[in-house]
C-alpha atoms as a PDB file:
ATOM      1  CA  MET A   1     119.578  87.403  79.165  1.00  0.00           C
ATOM      2  CA  MET A   2     117.542  88.771  76.222  1.00  0.00           C
ATOM      3  CA  SER A   3     118.784  91.561  74.177  1.00  0.00           C
ATOM      4  CA  GLY A   4     115.589  93.064  72.761  1.00  0.00           C
ATOM      5  CA  ILE A   5     112.063  93.416  73.991  1.00  0.00           C
ATOM      6  CA  ALA A   6     110.820  90.844  71.396  1.00  0.00           C
ATOM      7  CA  ALA A   7     113.379  88.290  72.079  1.00  0.00           C
ATOM      8  CA  ARG A   8     112.174  85.229  73.952  1.00  0.00           C
ATOM      9  CA  PRO A   9     113.595  81.681  74.391  1.00  0.00           C
ATOM     10  CA  SER A  10     112.330  79.517  71.522  1.00  0.00           C
ATOM     11  CA  GLU A  11     113.087  76.053  73.025  1.00  0.00           C
ATOM     12  CA  PRO A  12     110.903  74.283  75.540  1.00  0.00           C
ATOM     13  CA  LEU A  13     111.576  75.405  79.009  1.00  0.00           C
ATOM     14  CA  GLY A  14     112.987  72.937  81.480  1.00  0.00           C
ATOM     15  CA  GLY A  15     114.620  73.367  84.836  1.00  0.00           C
ATOM     16  CA  PHE A  16     113.556  76.908  84.631  1.00  0.00           C
ATOM     17  CA  THR A  17     113.475  79.026  87.656  1.00  0.00           C
ATOM     18  CA  THR A  18     111.257  82.161  88.228  1.00  0.00           C
ATOM     19  CA  VAL A  19     111.232  84.541  91.062  1.00  0.00           C
ATOM     20  CA  GLY A  20     108.296  86.988  91.999  1.00  0.00           C
ATOM     21  CA  ILE A  21     108.732  89.827  94.214  1.00  0.00           C
ATOM     22  CA  ASP A  22     106.051  91.878  95.819  1.00  0.00           C
ATOM     23  CA  LEU A  23     108.325  94.923  96.502  1.00  0.00           C
ATOM     24  CA  ALA A  24     107.657  97.243  99.426  1.00  0.00           C
ATOM     25  CA  SER A  25     109.764 100.344 100.628  1.00  0.00           C
ATOM     26  CA  GLN A  26     110.782  98.321 103.576  1.00  0.00           C
ATOM     27  CA  SER A  27     111.690  94.614 104.001  1.00  0.00           C
ATOM     28  CA  ASP A  28     108.850  93.870 106.488  1.00  0.00           C
ATOM     29  CA  ASN A  29     106.203  94.085 103.904  1.00  0.00           C
ATOM     30  CA  THR A  30     108.227  92.699 101.121  1.00  0.00           C
ATOM     31  CA  ALA A  31     107.400  89.055  99.907  1.00  0.00           C
ATOM     32  CA  VAL A  32     109.290  86.637  97.541  1.00  0.00           C
ATOM     33  CA  CYS A  33     108.134  83.475  95.670  1.00  0.00           C
ATOM     34  CA  VAL A  34     110.445  81.122  93.849  1.00  0.00           C
ATOM     35  CA  ILE A  35     109.055  78.550  91.385  1.00  0.00           C
ATOM     36  CA  ILE A  36     110.878  75.746  89.729  1.00  0.00           C
ATOM     37  CA  TRP A  37     109.488  74.682  86.344  1.00  0.00           C
ATOM     38  CA  SER A  38     110.329  71.312  84.718  1.00  0.00           C
ATOM     39  CA  HIS A  39     108.898  69.446  81.795  1.00  0.00           C
ATOM     40  CA  GLU A  40     105.140  69.178  82.548  1.00  0.00           C
ATOM     41  CA  SER A  41     105.398  70.194  86.263  1.00  0.00           C
ATOM     42  CA  ALA A  42     106.258  73.061  88.543  1.00  0.00           C
ATOM     43  CA  GLN A  43     107.139  73.362  92.268  1.00  0.00           C
ATOM     44  CA  VAL A  44     106.822  76.362  94.602  1.00  0.00           C
ATOM     45  CA  SER A  45     110.275  76.042  96.243  1.00  0.00           C
ATOM     46  CA  ALA A  46     110.203  79.116  98.389  1.00  0.00           C
ATOM     47  CA  LEU A  47     107.482  81.580  99.524  1.00  0.00           C
ATOM     48  CA  ALA A  48     108.179  84.134 102.284  1.00  0.00           C
ATOM     49  CA  SER A  49     107.261  87.591 103.521  1.00  0.00           C
ATOM     50  CA  GLY A  50     109.515  89.870 105.547  1.00  0.00           C
ATOM     51  CA  THR A  51     112.366  87.396 106.060  1.00  0.00           C
ATOM     52  CA  LEU A  52     113.778  84.324 104.186  1.00  0.00           C
ATOM     53  CA  HIS A  53     115.846  81.704 105.895  1.00  0.00           C
ATOM     54  CA  GLY A  54     116.048  84.035 108.789  1.00  0.00           C
ATOM     55  CA  SER A  55     117.463  86.941 106.972  1.00  0.00           C
ATOM     56  CA  LYS A  56     115.400  90.205 106.302  1.00  0.00           C
ATOM     57  CA  LEU A  57     114.364  90.725 102.687  1.00  0.00           C
ATOM     58  CA  ASP A  58     116.428  93.629 102.107  1.00  0.00           C
ATOM     59  CA  ASP A  59     117.999  94.613  98.879  1.00  0.00           C
ATOM     60  CA  SER A  60     120.973  92.316  99.286  1.00  0.00           C
ATOM     61  CA  ALA A  61     118.827  89.333 100.133  1.00  0.00           C
ATOM     62  CA  LEU A  62     116.580  89.822  97.112  1.00  0.00           C
ATOM     63  CA  LEU A  63     119.641  90.144  94.680  1.00  0.00           C
ATOM     64  CA  SER A  64     120.861  87.017  96.112  1.00  0.00           C
ATOM     65  CA  VAL A  65     117.727  85.223  95.403  1.00  0.00           C
ATOM     66  CA  MET A  66     117.434  86.807  91.967  1.00  0.00           C
ATOM     67  CA  LYS A  67     121.079  85.968  90.879  1.00  0.00           C
ATOM     68  CA  ASP A  68     120.169  82.414  89.667  1.00  0.00           C
ATOM     69  CA  ALA A  69     116.833  83.008  88.313  1.00  0.00           C
ATOM     70  CA  ASP A  70     116.108  82.739  84.734  1.00  0.00           C
ATOM     71  CA  LYS A  71     113.245  85.223  84.900  1.00  0.00           C
ATOM     72  CA  VAL A  72     112.122  87.722  87.640  1.00  0.00           C
ATOM     73  CA  ALA A  73     108.875  89.655  87.854  1.00  0.00           C
ATOM     74  CA  ILE A  74     108.702  92.603  90.429  1.00  0.00           C
ATOM     75  CA  ASP A  75     105.516  94.299  91.483  1.00  0.00           C
ATOM     76  CA  ALA A  76     106.810  97.883  91.468  1.00  0.00           C
ATOM     77  CA  PRO A  77     106.960 100.810  89.011  1.00  0.00           C
ATOM     78  CA  PHE A  78     110.254 100.613  86.860  1.00  0.00           C
ATOM     79  CA  GLY A  79     110.215 104.286  86.046  1.00  0.00           C
ATOM     80  CA  TRP A  80     108.643 107.615  85.981  1.00  0.00           C
ATOM     81  CA  PRO A  81     106.404 109.390  83.369  1.00  0.00           C
ATOM     82  CA  GLN A  82     108.617 110.834  80.628  1.00  0.00           C
ATOM     83  CA  PRO A  83     106.682 114.267  80.894  1.00  0.00           C
ATOM     84  CA  PHE A  84     107.434 114.286  84.608  1.00  0.00           C
ATOM     85  CA  ILE A  85     111.191 113.578  84.037  1.00  0.00           C
ATOM     86  CA  SER A  86     111.317 116.401  81.478  1.00  0.00           C
ATOM     87  CA  ALA A  87     109.338 118.900  83.661  1.00  0.00           C
ATOM     88  CA  ILE A  88     111.435 118.569  86.861  1.00  0.00           C
ATOM     89  CA  SER A  89     114.685 118.837  84.768  1.00  0.00           C
ATOM     90  CA  SER A  90     113.364 121.938  83.156  1.00  0.00           C
ATOM     91  CA  GLU A  91     114.413 125.658  84.189  1.00  0.00           C
ATOM     92  CA  PRO A  92     111.669 127.397  86.148  1.00  0.00           C
ATOM     93  CA  GLY A  93     110.783 129.448  83.199  1.00  0.00           C
ATOM     94  CA  ASN A  94     110.474 126.476  80.944  1.00  0.00           C
ATOM     95  CA  TRP A  95     107.857 124.714  82.984  1.00  0.00           C
ATOM     96  CA  PRO A  96     105.808 122.915  80.401  1.00  0.00           C
ATOM     97  CA  LEU A  97     102.391 123.420  81.884  1.00  0.00           C
ATOM     98  CA  ASP A  98     100.469 126.673  82.236  1.00  0.00           C
ATOM     99  CA  PRO A  99      98.690 127.811  85.352  1.00  0.00           C
ATOM    100  CA  ASP A 100      95.410 125.950  85.815  1.00  0.00           C
ATOM    101  CA  GLU A 101      96.444 123.396  83.115  1.00  0.00           C
ATOM    102  CA  THR A 102      95.862 119.708  84.044  1.00  0.00           C
ATOM    103  CA  ARG A 103      98.784 118.044  85.625  1.00  0.00           C
ATOM    104  CA  ALA A 104      97.549 114.556  84.677  1.00  0.00           C
ATOM    105  CA  PRO A 105     100.333 113.962  82.019  1.00  0.00           C
ATOM    106  CA  LEU A 106     102.879 114.143  84.998  1.00  0.00           C
ATOM    107  CA  GLU A 107     101.000 111.691  87.218  1.00  0.00           C
ATOM    108  CA  ARG A 108     100.968 108.450  85.162  1.00  0.00           C
ATOM    109  CA  ARG A 109     103.099 106.465  82.494  1.00  0.00           C
ATOM    110  CA  THR A 110     101.856 105.363  79.262  1.00  0.00           C
ATOM    111  CA  THR A 111     101.764 101.837  80.526  1.00  0.00           C
ATOM    112  CA  ASP A 112      99.597 102.965  83.471  1.00  0.00           C
ATOM    113  CA  PHE A 113      96.975 104.253  81.118  1.00  0.00           C
ATOM    114  CA  LEU A 114      97.035 101.151  78.797  1.00  0.00           C
ATOM    115  CA  VAL A 115      96.598  98.906  81.964  1.00  0.00           C
ATOM    116  CA  ARG A 116      93.762 100.995  82.993  1.00  0.00           C
ATOM    117  CA  ASP A 117      91.909 100.929  79.407  1.00  0.00           C
ATOM    118  CA  ARG A 118      92.498  97.082  79.374  1.00  0.00           C
ATOM    119  CA  THR A 119      91.734  95.833  82.938  1.00  0.00           C
ATOM    120  CA  GLY A 120      89.766  98.560  84.449  1.00  0.00           C
ATOM    121  CA  LYS A 121      92.353  98.811  87.107  1.00  0.00           C
ATOM    122  CA  THR A 122      94.352 102.006  87.397  1.00  0.00           C
ATOM    123  CA  PRO A 123      97.961 101.814  88.748  1.00  0.00           C
ATOM    124  CA  LEU A 124      98.977 104.141  91.528  1.00  0.00           C
ATOM    125  CA  SER A 125     100.725 107.208  90.523  1.00  0.00           C
ATOM    126  CA  VAL A 126     104.404 106.821  90.818  1.00  0.00           C
ATOM    127  CA  THR A 127     105.028 110.663  91.043  1.00  0.00           C
ATOM    128  CA  THR A 128     102.182 111.639  93.483  1.00  0.00           C
ATOM    129  CA  ASP A 129     101.548 108.413  95.641  1.00  0.00           C
ATOM    130  CA  ARG A 130     103.567 106.761  98.345  1.00  0.00           C
ATOM    131  CA  ILE A 131     104.551 103.926  95.890  1.00  0.00           C
ATOM    132  CA  ALA A 132     107.257 106.401  94.922  1.00  0.00           C
ATOM    133  CA  TYR A 133     109.317 104.947  97.815  1.00  0.00           C
ATOM    134  CA  CYS A 134     108.925 101.551  96.485  1.00  0.00           C
ATOM    135  CA  ALA A 135     109.878 102.561  92.946  1.00  0.00           C
ATOM    136  CA  MET A 136     113.159 104.240  94.384  1.00  0.00           C
ATOM    137  CA  ARG A 137     113.971 101.006  95.904  1.00  0.00           C
ATOM    138  CA  CYS A 138     113.157  99.011  92.768  1.00  0.00           C
ATOM    139  CA  ALA A 139     115.492 101.527  90.822  1.00  0.00           C
ATOM    140  CA  SER A 140     118.347 100.638  93.111  1.00  0.00           C
ATOM    141  CA  ILE A 141     117.713  96.850  92.339  1.00  0.00           C
ATOM    142  CA  LEU A 142     117.541  97.292  88.604  1.00  0.00           C
ATOM    143  CA  GLY A 143     120.737  99.534  88.705  1.00  0.00           C
ATOM    144  CA  ALA A 144     122.478  96.690  90.416  1.00  0.00           C
ATOM    145  CA  LEU A 145     121.423  94.261  87.931  1.00  0.00           C
ATOM    146  CA  ASN A 146     121.821  96.690  85.010  1.00  0.00           C
ATOM    147  CA  SER A 147     118.487  95.554  83.919  1.00  0.00           C
ATOM    148  CA  PRO A 148     116.401  97.260  81.181  1.00  0.00           C
ATOM    149  CA  ARG A 149     113.129  98.859  82.335  1.00  0.00           C
ATOM    150  CA  ASP A 150     111.096  97.336  79.374  1.00  0.00           C
ATOM    151  CA  GLY A 151     111.414  93.762  80.774  1.00  0.00           C
ATOM    152  CA  SER A 152     113.572  92.688  77.845  1.00  0.00           C
ATOM    153  CA  GLY A 153     116.263  91.446  80.159  1.00  0.00           C
ATOM    154  CA  GLN A 154     116.155  89.298  83.348  1.00  0.00           C
ATOM    155  CA  VAL A 155     113.564  91.465  85.214  1.00  0.00           C
ATOM    156  CA  ALA A 156     110.072  92.322  84.044  1.00  0.00           C
ATOM    157  CA  GLU A 157     107.637  94.668  85.767  1.00  0.00           C
ATOM    158  CA  ALA A 158     104.361  93.047  87.173  1.00  0.00           C
ATOM    159  CA  TYR A 159     101.002  94.421  88.538  1.00  0.00           C
ATOM    160  CA  PRO A 160      99.402  91.327  90.162  1.00  0.00           C
ATOM    161  CA  ASP A 161      95.973  92.834  90.557  1.00  0.00           C
ATOM    162  CA  ALA A 162      95.787  93.687  86.839  1.00  0.00           C
ATOM    163  CA  ALA A 163      97.357  90.356  85.925  1.00  0.00           C
ATOM    164  CA  LEU A 164      94.459  88.525  87.913  1.00  0.00           C
ATOM    165  CA  ARG A 165      91.999  90.348  86.043  1.00  0.00           C
ATOM    166  CA  CYS A 166      93.464  89.130  82.720  1.00  0.00           C
ATOM    167  CA  TRP A 167      93.782  85.474  83.991  1.00  0.00           C
ATOM    168  CA  LEU A 168      90.470  85.364  86.100  1.00  0.00           C
ATOM    169  CA  PRO A 169      88.100  87.920  84.636  1.00  0.00           C
ATOM    170  CA  LYS A 170      84.973  86.325  86.235  1.00  0.00           C
ATOM    171  CA  LEU A 171      86.361  86.830  89.741  1.00  0.00           C
ATOM    172  CA  PHE A 172      86.877  90.585  89.106  1.00  0.00           C
ATOM    173  CA  THR A 173      83.350  91.705  87.913  1.00  0.00           C
ATOM    174  CA  GLY A 174      81.158  93.996  90.126  1.00  0.00           C
ATOM    175  CA  SER A 175      82.010  95.214  93.538  1.00  0.00           C
ATOM    176  CA  LEU A 176      83.503  92.064  94.923  1.00  0.00           C
ATOM    177  CA  GLN A 177      85.637  92.163  98.218  1.00  0.00           C
ATOM    178  CA  SER A 178      89.166  93.270  97.593  1.00  0.00           C
ATOM    179  CA  TYR A 179      91.784  90.610  98.315  1.00  0.00           C
ATOM    180  CA  LYS A 180      94.317  93.344  99.420  1.00  0.00           C
ATOM    181  CA  THR A 181      92.696  93.905 102.982  1.00  0.00           C
ATOM    182  CA  LYS A 182      94.749  92.741 105.719  1.00  0.00           C
ATOM    183  CA  ASN A 183      93.509  90.984 108.878  1.00  0.00           C
ATOM    184  CA  ASN A 184      90.073  90.619 107.363  1.00  0.00           C
ATOM    185  CA  ALA A 185      88.220  87.337 107.098  1.00  0.00           C
ATOM    186  CA  ALA A 186      86.461  88.119 103.952  1.00  0.00           C
ATOM    187  CA  ALA A 187      89.609  89.294 102.135  1.00  0.00           C
ATOM    188  CA  ARG A 188      91.264  85.944 103.438  1.00  0.00           C
ATOM    189  CA  GLU A 189      88.450  83.955 101.932  1.00  0.00           C
ATOM    190  CA  ARG A 190      88.608  86.138  98.728  1.00  0.00           C
ATOM    191  CA  ARG A 191      92.521  85.000  98.398  1.00  0.00           C
ATOM    192  CA  GLU A 192      91.617  81.327  99.016  1.00  0.00           C
ATOM    193  CA  VAL A 193      89.104  81.523  96.088  1.00  0.00           C
ATOM    194  CA  ILE A 194      91.736  83.366  93.841  1.00  0.00           C
ATOM    195  CA  LEU A 195      94.239  80.802  94.578  1.00  0.00           C
ATOM    196  CA  ALA A 196      91.961  77.909  94.078  1.00  0.00           C
ATOM    197  CA  ALA A 197      91.040  79.322  90.640  1.00  0.00           C
ATOM    198  CA  LEU A 198      94.810  79.841  89.723  1.00  0.00           C
ATOM    199  CA  LEU A 199      95.624  76.403  90.810  1.00  0.00           C
ATOM    200  CA  GLY A 200      92.635  74.813  88.731  1.00  0.00           C
ATOM    201  CA  GLU A 201      94.016  76.553  85.580  1.00  0.00           C
ATOM    202  CA  LEU A 202      97.510  75.522  86.297  1.00  0.00           C
ATOM    203  CA  GLY A 203      96.574  71.889  86.486  1.00  0.00           C
ATOM    204  CA  ASN A 204      97.742  68.815  88.369  1.00  0.00           C
ATOM    205  CA  GLY A 205     101.371  69.359  87.393  1.00  0.00           C
ATOM    206  CA  PHE A 206     101.735  72.349  89.603  1.00  0.00           C
ATOM    207  CA  ASN A 207     102.791  71.545  93.108  1.00  0.00           C
ATOM    208  CA  ILE A 208     102.320  73.750  96.191  1.00  0.00           C
ATOM    209  CA  THR A 209     102.466  72.732  99.994  1.00  0.00           C
ATOM    210  CA  GLU A 210      99.693  73.210 102.327  1.00  0.00           C
ATOM    211  CA  ALA A 211     101.876  75.712 104.319  1.00  0.00           C
ATOM    212  CA  GLN A 212     102.389  77.787 101.241  1.00  0.00           C
ATOM    213  CA  ARG A 213      98.560  77.739 100.557  1.00  0.00           C
ATOM    214  CA  VAL A 214      98.050  78.951 104.158  1.00  0.00           C
ATOM    215  CA  ALA A 215     100.613  81.697 103.762  1.00  0.00           C
ATOM    216  CA  ILE A 216      98.797  83.099 100.595  1.00  0.00           C
ATOM    217  CA  ALA A 217      95.461  82.878 102.314  1.00  0.00           C
ATOM    218  CA  TYR A 218      96.601  85.004 105.157  1.00  0.00           C
ATOM    219  CA  SER A 219      99.013  87.413 103.270  1.00  0.00           C
ATOM    220  CA  ASP A 220      98.142  89.376 100.200  1.00  0.00           C
ATOM    221  CA  ASP A 221     101.744  90.086  99.891  1.00  0.00           C
ATOM    222  CA  CYS A 222     102.371  86.466  99.413  1.00  0.00           C
ATOM    223  CA  LEU A 223      99.639  86.194  96.833  1.00  0.00           C
ATOM    224  CA  ASP A 224     101.087  88.914  94.991  1.00  0.00           C
ATOM    225  CA  ALA A 225     104.647  87.366  95.019  1.00  0.00           C
ATOM    226  CA  PHE A 226     103.128  84.224  93.825  1.00  0.00           C
ATOM    227  CA  VAL A 227     101.292  85.817  90.971  1.00  0.00           C
ATOM    228  CA  CYS A 228     104.585  87.694  90.047  1.00  0.00           C
ATOM    229  CA  ALA A 229     106.274  84.440  89.818  1.00  0.00           C
ATOM    230  CA  LEU A 230     103.726  83.119  87.566  1.00  0.00           C
ATOM    231  CA  LEU A 231     103.931  86.175  85.378  1.00  0.00           C
ATOM    232  CA  ALA A 232     107.722  85.719  85.151  1.00  0.00           C
ATOM    233  CA  ARG A 233     106.988  82.378  83.466  1.00  0.00           C
ATOM    234  CA  ALA A 234     104.426  83.941  81.236  1.00  0.00           C
ATOM    235  CA  THR A 235     106.856  86.588  80.197  1.00  0.00           C
ATOM    236  CA  ALA A 236     109.585  84.043  79.463  1.00  0.00           C
ATOM    237  CA  ALA A 237     107.077  81.768  77.658  1.00  0.00           C
ATOM    238  CA  ASP A 238     106.041  84.624  75.159  1.00  0.00           C
ATOM    239  CA  LEU A 239     102.497  85.003  76.856  1.00  0.00           C
ATOM    240  CA  THR A 240     102.447  88.565  77.772  1.00  0.00           C
ATOM    241  CA  VAL A 241     101.486  91.756  75.955  1.00  0.00           C
ATOM    242  CA  LEU A 242     104.366  93.844  74.588  1.00  0.00           C
ATOM    243  CA  PRO A 243     104.704  97.401  73.257  1.00  0.00           C
ATOM    244  CA  SER A 244     104.394  97.151  69.522  1.00  0.00           C
ATOM    245  CA  THR A 245     104.525 100.721  68.292  1.00  0.00           C
ATOM    246  CA  PRO A 246     107.937 102.544  68.081  1.00  0.00           C
ATOM    247  CA  ASP A 247     106.565 105.253  70.592  1.00  0.00           C
ATOM    248  CA  HIS A 248     105.514 102.771  73.245  1.00  0.00           C
ATOM    249  CA  GLN A 249     108.767 100.714  72.774  1.00  0.00           C
ATOM    250  CA  ALA A 250     110.762 103.865  73.296  1.00  0.00           C
ATOM    251  CA  LEU A 251     108.734 104.895  76.259  1.00  0.00           C
ATOM    252  CA  ALA A 252     108.876 101.535  77.813  1.00  0.00           C
ATOM    253  CA  ARG A 253     112.718 101.806  77.913  1.00  0.00           C
ATOM    254  CA  ILE A 254     112.380 104.878  79.824  1.00  0.00           C
ATOM    255  CA  GLU A 255     109.220 104.554  81.950  1.00  0.00           C
ATOM    256  CA  GLY A 256     108.921 100.778  82.291  1.00  0.00           C
ATOM    257  CA  TRP A 257     106.264  98.439  80.929  1.00  0.00           C
ATOM    258  CA  ILE A 258     103.723  96.559  82.952  1.00  0.00           C
ATOM    259  CA  HIS A 259     103.506  92.991  81.564  1.00  0.00           C
ATOM    260  CA  LEU A 260      99.986  91.924  81.281  1.00  0.00           C
ATOM    261  CA  PRO A 261      99.427  88.072  80.507  1.00  0.00           C
ATOM    262  CA  LYS A 262      97.213  87.191  77.567  1.00  0.00           C
ATOM    263  CA  PRO A 263      93.814  85.663  78.487  1.00  0.00           C
ATOM    264  CA  ASN A 264      93.610  82.042  79.208  1.00  0.00           C
ATOM    265  CA  SER A 265      97.413  81.582  79.328  1.00  0.00           C
ATOM    266  CA  LEU A 266      97.678  79.957  82.774  1.00  0.00           C
ATOM    267  CA  THR A 267      97.032  76.361  81.348  1.00  0.00           C
ATOM    268  CA  GLN A 268      99.947  77.027  79.092  1.00  0.00           C
ATOM    269  CA  LEU A 269     102.542  77.835  81.882  1.00  0.00           C
ATOM    270  CA  VAL A 270     103.196  74.167  82.881  1.00  0.00           C
ATOM    271  CA  SER A 271     102.491  72.522  79.306  1.00  0.00           C
ATOM    272  CA  ASN A 272     105.178  74.706  77.625  1.00  0.00           C
ATOM    273  CA  LEU A 273     102.745  75.490  74.641  1.00  0.00           C
ATOM    274  CA  ARG A 274     104.057  78.348  72.509  1.00  0.00           C
ATOM    275  CA  PRO A 275     101.341  80.224  70.405  1.00  0.00           C
ATOM    276  CA  GLN A 276     102.443  82.413  67.527  1.00  0.00           C
ATOM    277  CA  ALA A 277     102.242  86.234  67.999  1.00  0.00           C
ATOM    278  CA  THR A 278      99.576  88.061  66.257  1.00  0.00           C
ATOM    279  CA  ALA A 279      99.494  91.973  66.085  1.00  0.00           C
ATOM    280  CA  VAL A 280      96.225  93.429  67.223  1.00  0.00           C
ATOM    281  CA  GLY A 281      95.871  97.138  67.229  1.00  0.00           C
ATOM    282  CA  ASP A 282      98.780  98.788  68.815  1.00  0.00           C
ATOM    283  CA  LEU A 283      99.686  95.835  70.985  1.00  0.00           C
ATOM    284  CA  GLU A 284     101.233  92.446  70.215  1.00  0.00           C
ATOM    285  CA  ILE A 285      99.290  89.687  71.953  1.00  0.00           C
ATOM    286  CA  HIS A 286      99.773  86.020  71.503  1.00  0.00           C
ATOM    287  CA  ASP A 287      96.340  84.670  70.702  1.00  0.00           C
ATOM    288  CA  ASN A 288      94.114  85.502  67.790  1.00  0.00           C
ATOM    289  CA  THR A 289      91.066  83.638  69.143  1.00  0.00           C
ATOM    290  CA  LYS A 290      90.250  85.713  72.169  1.00  0.00           C
ATOM    291  CA  PRO A 291      89.110  89.257  72.343  1.00  0.00           C
ATOM    292  CA  TRP A 292      91.276  91.839  74.115  1.00  0.00           C
ATOM    293  CA  PRO A 293      90.232  92.897  76.682  1.00  0.00           C
ATOM    294  CA  PRO A 294      88.324  89.775  77.699  1.00  0.00           C
ATOM    295  CA  GLU A 295      84.516  89.843  76.994  1.00  0.00           C
ATOM    296  CA  GLY A 296      82.599  91.063  80.084  1.00  0.00           C
ATOM    297  CA  GLY A 297      85.372  93.540  80.663  1.00  0.00           C
ATOM    298  CA  HIS A 298      85.932  95.249  83.864  1.00  0.00           C
ATOM    299  CA  THR A 299      85.001  98.668  85.328  1.00  0.00           C
ATOM    300  CA  PRO A 300      87.310 100.971  87.188  1.00  0.00           C
END
């Protein structure tokens, strides 16, 4: 397990297992994906929603799947905004906001604002939205693993929708059909297009069964879990954006940090290529040939 947020494995990855989890507040809408990465190839070894091997995807089941993984990525907030934490722990007379003052600082984390600025997709508010139930479940899982919130350990925070915008920017321009809609033919076709684009970038060394393709086409939860498993690999392979300022590093340890993949990194997940890090602005990215965000950026 890595001891610091900048610490990544330096040797080529072989026999490397990643787990992606699309976490929901209940097991019924939770999905999991396991990918085994070997030299120049990869195989989706498990993909399930609701249940796995006949057991509900409750916390115990997820921890069992995660225990032998080299890297895990979970789609859920890993923490709450620091201003919110300070506010709710204050005495009534020391509430930090005046009447009629905007409460926006209490709604979202630093990483949420950075993701919005770089992808055009605003994460849900962990303090005001129902995703708080999911975040509480995630906190229990991270607590059981004693895993840091910044992603420097076994587990990293993912946001599949934003990750897809980094990997496949051409598929997320304009007002295209959302892939998240359930029981909708257009959304199913959208997921099929997204999956085909992902597999095209991953190359012939990436193996997935027809049944797994169908599961992703019919379930946005399965697609999100699949993307999380890919992102876990990107995180371990030094292909995600990290907080580079002291303030952001400190906040990431408290609030969590959404790991965004660098553009054009999909082709490197199977091939084990390892580019050198380059500091750009207040973020460390691992490619000095491409703009950040990608050209033709996204609108909210």
